[in-house]
Amino acid sequence: VHFVESGGGLVQPGGSLRLSCAASGFTFSTYAMSWYRQAPGKERELVATISSAGGNTNYADSVKGRFTISRDDAKKTVYLQMNSLKSEDTAMYYCRRLRWGDAWGNGTLVTVSS
């Protein structure tokens, strides 16, 4: 099982980014997926989840209404569209299967700063 996150970068407050996570090593379409983040000096937190069929999504209160999780089963990729970014969104972002305790990938760094 392997995850490769990408799409992070430096963005100004109010800006947008789209993160991607390419998965391999399992039957992607049959698993719910999740995005986590870890800010400097803080615990890792669950940001968003999406069901295996893509019909159900859930978000942390801190990102609700600003972030959108989606998936493309043909590409074995899960996305996180992040809009109206705030400085407190600065973190390393990771994806993995929901509730499977997979090893973490390298993550992708999002820095929100003017």
C-alpha atoms as a PDB file:
ATOM      1  CA  VAL A   1       0.000   0.000   0.000  1.00  0.00           C
ATOM      2  CA  HIS A   2       1.463   3.319  -1.060  1.00  0.00           C
ATOM      3  CA  PHE A   3       0.324   6.929  -1.207  1.00  0.00           C
ATOM      4  CA  VAL A   4       1.925   9.847  -3.035  1.00  0.00           C
ATOM      5  CA  GLU A   5       0.568  13.261  -2.127  1.00  0.00           C
ATOM      6  CA  SER A   6       1.165  16.326  -4.290  1.00  0.00           C
ATOM      7  CA  GLY A   7      -0.133  19.794  -5.053  1.00  0.00           C
ATOM      8  CA  GLY A   8       0.988  21.670  -1.974  1.00  0.00           C
ATOM      9  CA  GLY A   9       2.763  24.994  -2.035  1.00  0.00           C
ATOM     10  CA  LEU A  10       2.812  28.563  -0.818  1.00  0.00           C
ATOM     11  CA  VAL A  11      -0.438  30.466  -1.186  1.00  0.00           C
ATOM     12  CA  GLN A  12      -1.762  33.747   0.135  1.00  0.00           C
ATOM     13  CA  PRO A  13      -4.661  33.882   2.570  1.00  0.00           C
ATOM     14  CA  GLY A  14      -7.917  33.571   0.662  1.00  0.00           C
ATOM     15  CA  GLY A  15      -6.281  31.553  -2.088  1.00  0.00           C
ATOM     16  CA  SER A  16      -6.915  28.027  -3.309  1.00  0.00           C
ATOM     17  CA  LEU A  17      -5.000  24.817  -3.825  1.00  0.00           C
ATOM     18  CA  ARG A  18      -5.922  21.374  -5.076  1.00  0.00           C
ATOM     19  CA  LEU A  19      -4.138  18.439  -3.482  1.00  0.00           C
ATOM     20  CA  SER A  20      -3.885  15.033  -5.125  1.00  0.00           C
ATOM     21  CA  CYS A  21      -3.113  11.644  -3.649  1.00  0.00           C
ATOM     22  CA  ALA A  22      -2.206   8.762  -5.930  1.00  0.00           C
ATOM     23  CA  ALA A  23      -2.775   5.386  -4.308  1.00  0.00           C
ATOM     24  CA  SER A  24      -1.454   1.953  -5.162  1.00  0.00           C
ATOM     25  CA  GLY A  25      -1.234  -1.540  -3.747  1.00  0.00           C
ATOM     26  CA  PHE A  26      -4.918  -2.156  -3.086  1.00  0.00           C
ATOM     27  CA  THR A  27      -8.283  -2.086  -4.840  1.00  0.00           C
ATOM     28  CA  PHE A  28      -8.809   1.647  -4.569  1.00  0.00           C
ATOM     29  CA  SER A  29     -12.480   1.750  -5.519  1.00  0.00           C
ATOM     30  CA  THR A  30     -13.545  -0.447  -2.612  1.00  0.00           C
ATOM     31  CA  TYR A  31     -12.129   1.701   0.183  1.00  0.00           C
ATOM     32  CA  ALA A  32     -13.192   4.897   1.857  1.00  0.00           C
ATOM     33  CA  MET A  33     -10.399   7.453   1.806  1.00  0.00           C
ATOM     34  CA  SER A  34      -9.327  10.279   4.053  1.00  0.00           C
ATOM     35  CA  TRP A  35      -7.163  13.377   4.227  1.00  0.00           C
ATOM     36  CA  TYR A  36      -5.282  14.308   7.388  1.00  0.00           C
ATOM     37  CA  ARG A  37      -3.069  17.221   8.243  1.00  0.00           C
ATOM     38  CA  GLN A  38      -0.429  18.002  10.826  1.00  0.00           C
ATOM     39  CA  ALA A  39       0.493  21.554  11.665  1.00  0.00           C
ATOM     40  CA  PRO A  40       3.840  22.385  13.276  1.00  0.00           C
ATOM     41  CA  GLY A  41       3.791  21.437  16.938  1.00  0.00           C
ATOM     42  CA  LYS A  42       0.297  19.952  16.765  1.00  0.00           C
ATOM     43  CA  GLU A  43      -1.273  16.521  16.593  1.00  0.00           C
ATOM     44  CA  ARG A  44      -2.285  15.084  13.267  1.00  0.00           C
ATOM     45  CA  GLU A  45      -5.993  15.670  12.620  1.00  0.00           C
ATOM     46  CA  LEU A  46      -8.590  14.197  10.315  1.00  0.00           C
ATOM     47  CA  VAL A  47      -9.685  16.775   7.751  1.00  0.00           C
ATOM     48  CA  ALA A  48     -12.046  15.013   5.344  1.00  0.00           C
ATOM     49  CA  THR A  49     -13.342  11.581   4.401  1.00  0.00           C
ATOM     50  CA  ILE A  50     -15.088  10.135   1.365  1.00  0.00           C
ATOM     51  CA  SER A  51     -16.921   6.832   1.055  1.00  0.00           C
ATOM     52  CA  SER A  52     -15.938   4.119  -1.374  1.00  0.00           C
ATOM     53  CA  ALA A  53     -18.711   5.100  -3.760  1.00  0.00           C
ATOM     54  CA  GLY A  54     -18.034   8.779  -3.280  1.00  0.00           C
ATOM     55  CA  GLY A  55     -21.550   9.541  -2.209  1.00  0.00           C
ATOM     56  CA  ASN A  56     -20.776  10.393   1.402  1.00  0.00           C
ATOM     57  CA  THR A  57     -18.284  12.987   2.539  1.00  0.00           C
ATOM     58  CA  ASN A  58     -17.468  14.380   5.957  1.00  0.00           C
ATOM     59  CA  TYR A  59     -15.350  17.303   7.071  1.00  0.00           C
ATOM     60  CA  ALA A  60     -13.757  18.685  10.181  1.00  0.00           C
ATOM     61  CA  ASP A  61     -15.637  21.731  11.420  1.00  0.00           C
ATOM     62  CA  SER A  62     -12.564  23.864  10.799  1.00  0.00           C
ATOM     63  CA  VAL A  63     -12.685  23.258   7.026  1.00  0.00           C
ATOM     64  CA  LYS A  64     -16.385  22.713   6.400  1.00  0.00           C
ATOM     65  CA  GLY A  65     -17.642  24.888   3.570  1.00  0.00           C
ATOM     66  CA  ARG A  66     -14.108  25.603   2.321  1.00  0.00           C
ATOM     67  CA  PHE A  67     -12.648  22.194   1.456  1.00  0.00           C
ATOM     68  CA  THR A  68     -14.061  19.549  -0.871  1.00  0.00           C
ATOM     69  CA  ILE A  69     -12.885  15.952  -1.042  1.00  0.00           C
ATOM     70  CA  SER A  70     -13.436  13.934  -4.211  1.00  0.00           C
ATOM     71  CA  ARG A  71     -12.115  10.805  -5.897  1.00  0.00           C
ATOM     72  CA  ASP A  72     -11.428   9.368  -9.331  1.00  0.00           C
ATOM     73  CA  ASP A  73     -11.448   5.592  -9.091  1.00  0.00           C
ATOM     74  CA  ALA A  74     -10.153   5.156 -12.636  1.00  0.00           C
ATOM     75  CA  LYS A  75      -7.045   7.135 -11.685  1.00  0.00           C
ATOM     76  CA  LYS A  76      -6.859   5.698  -8.148  1.00  0.00           C
ATOM     77  CA  THR A  77      -6.603   9.241  -6.889  1.00  0.00           C
ATOM     78  CA  VAL A  78      -8.274  11.223  -4.140  1.00  0.00           C
ATOM     79  CA  TYR A  79      -8.350  15.018  -4.233  1.00  0.00           C
ATOM     80  CA  LEU A  80      -8.757  17.826  -1.739  1.00  0.00           C
ATOM     81  CA  GLN A  81      -9.890  21.150  -3.152  1.00  0.00           C
ATOM     82  CA  MET A  82      -9.061  23.867  -0.651  1.00  0.00           C
ATOM     83  CA  ASN A  83     -10.600  27.316  -1.020  1.00  0.00           C
ATOM     84  CA  SER A  84     -10.552  30.431   1.148  1.00  0.00           C
ATOM     85  CA  LEU A  85      -7.347  29.267   2.745  1.00  0.00           C
ATOM     86  CA  LYS A  86      -6.345  30.644   6.131  1.00  0.00           C
ATOM     87  CA  SER A  87      -3.006  30.784   7.903  1.00  0.00           C
ATOM     88  CA  GLU A  88      -4.231  28.086  10.266  1.00  0.00           C
ATOM     89  CA  ASP A  89      -4.509  25.696   7.310  1.00  0.00           C
ATOM     90  CA  THR A  90      -0.725  25.655   7.118  1.00  0.00           C
ATOM     91  CA  ALA A  91       0.274  22.025   7.617  1.00  0.00           C
ATOM     92  CA  MET A  92       1.602  18.881   6.038  1.00  0.00           C
ATOM     93  CA  TYR A  93      -1.272  17.068   4.361  1.00  0.00           C
ATOM     94  CA  TYR A  94      -1.531  13.281   4.067  1.00  0.00           C
ATOM     95  CA  CYS A  95      -3.993  10.778   2.688  1.00  0.00           C
ATOM     96  CA  ARG A  96      -4.710   7.149   3.479  1.00  0.00           C
ATOM     97  CA  ARG A  97      -7.503   4.643   3.639  1.00  0.00           C
ATOM     98  CA  LEU A  98     -10.039   5.434   6.284  1.00  0.00           C
ATOM     99  CA  ARG A  99      -9.710   3.319   9.451  1.00  0.00           C
ATOM    100  CA  TRP A 100      -6.972   1.038   8.086  1.00  0.00           C
ATOM    101  CA  GLY A 101      -3.964   2.470   9.843  1.00  0.00           C
ATOM    102  CA  ASP A 102      -1.821   2.513   6.713  1.00  0.00           C
ATOM    103  CA  ALA A 103       1.710   3.812   6.853  1.00  0.00           C
ATOM    104  CA  TRP A 104       1.876   7.503   6.118  1.00  0.00           C
ATOM    105  CA  GLY A 105       3.204   8.806   2.840  1.00  0.00           C
ATOM    106  CA  ASN A 106       5.588  11.739   2.600  1.00  0.00           C
ATOM    107  CA  GLY A 107       2.756  14.235   2.555  1.00  0.00           C
ATOM    108  CA  THR A 108       2.559  17.558   0.769  1.00  0.00           C
ATOM    109  CA  LEU A 109       3.248  20.859   2.493  1.00  0.00           C
ATOM    110  CA  VAL A 110       0.708  23.656   2.375  1.00  0.00           C
ATOM    111  CA  THR A 111       1.840  27.067   3.569  1.00  0.00           C
ATOM    112  CA  VAL A 112      -0.661  29.893   3.772  1.00  0.00           C
ATOM    113  CA  SER A 113       1.084  33.185   4.242  1.00  0.00           C
ATOM    114  CA  SER A 114       1.174  36.701   2.855  1.00  0.00           C
END
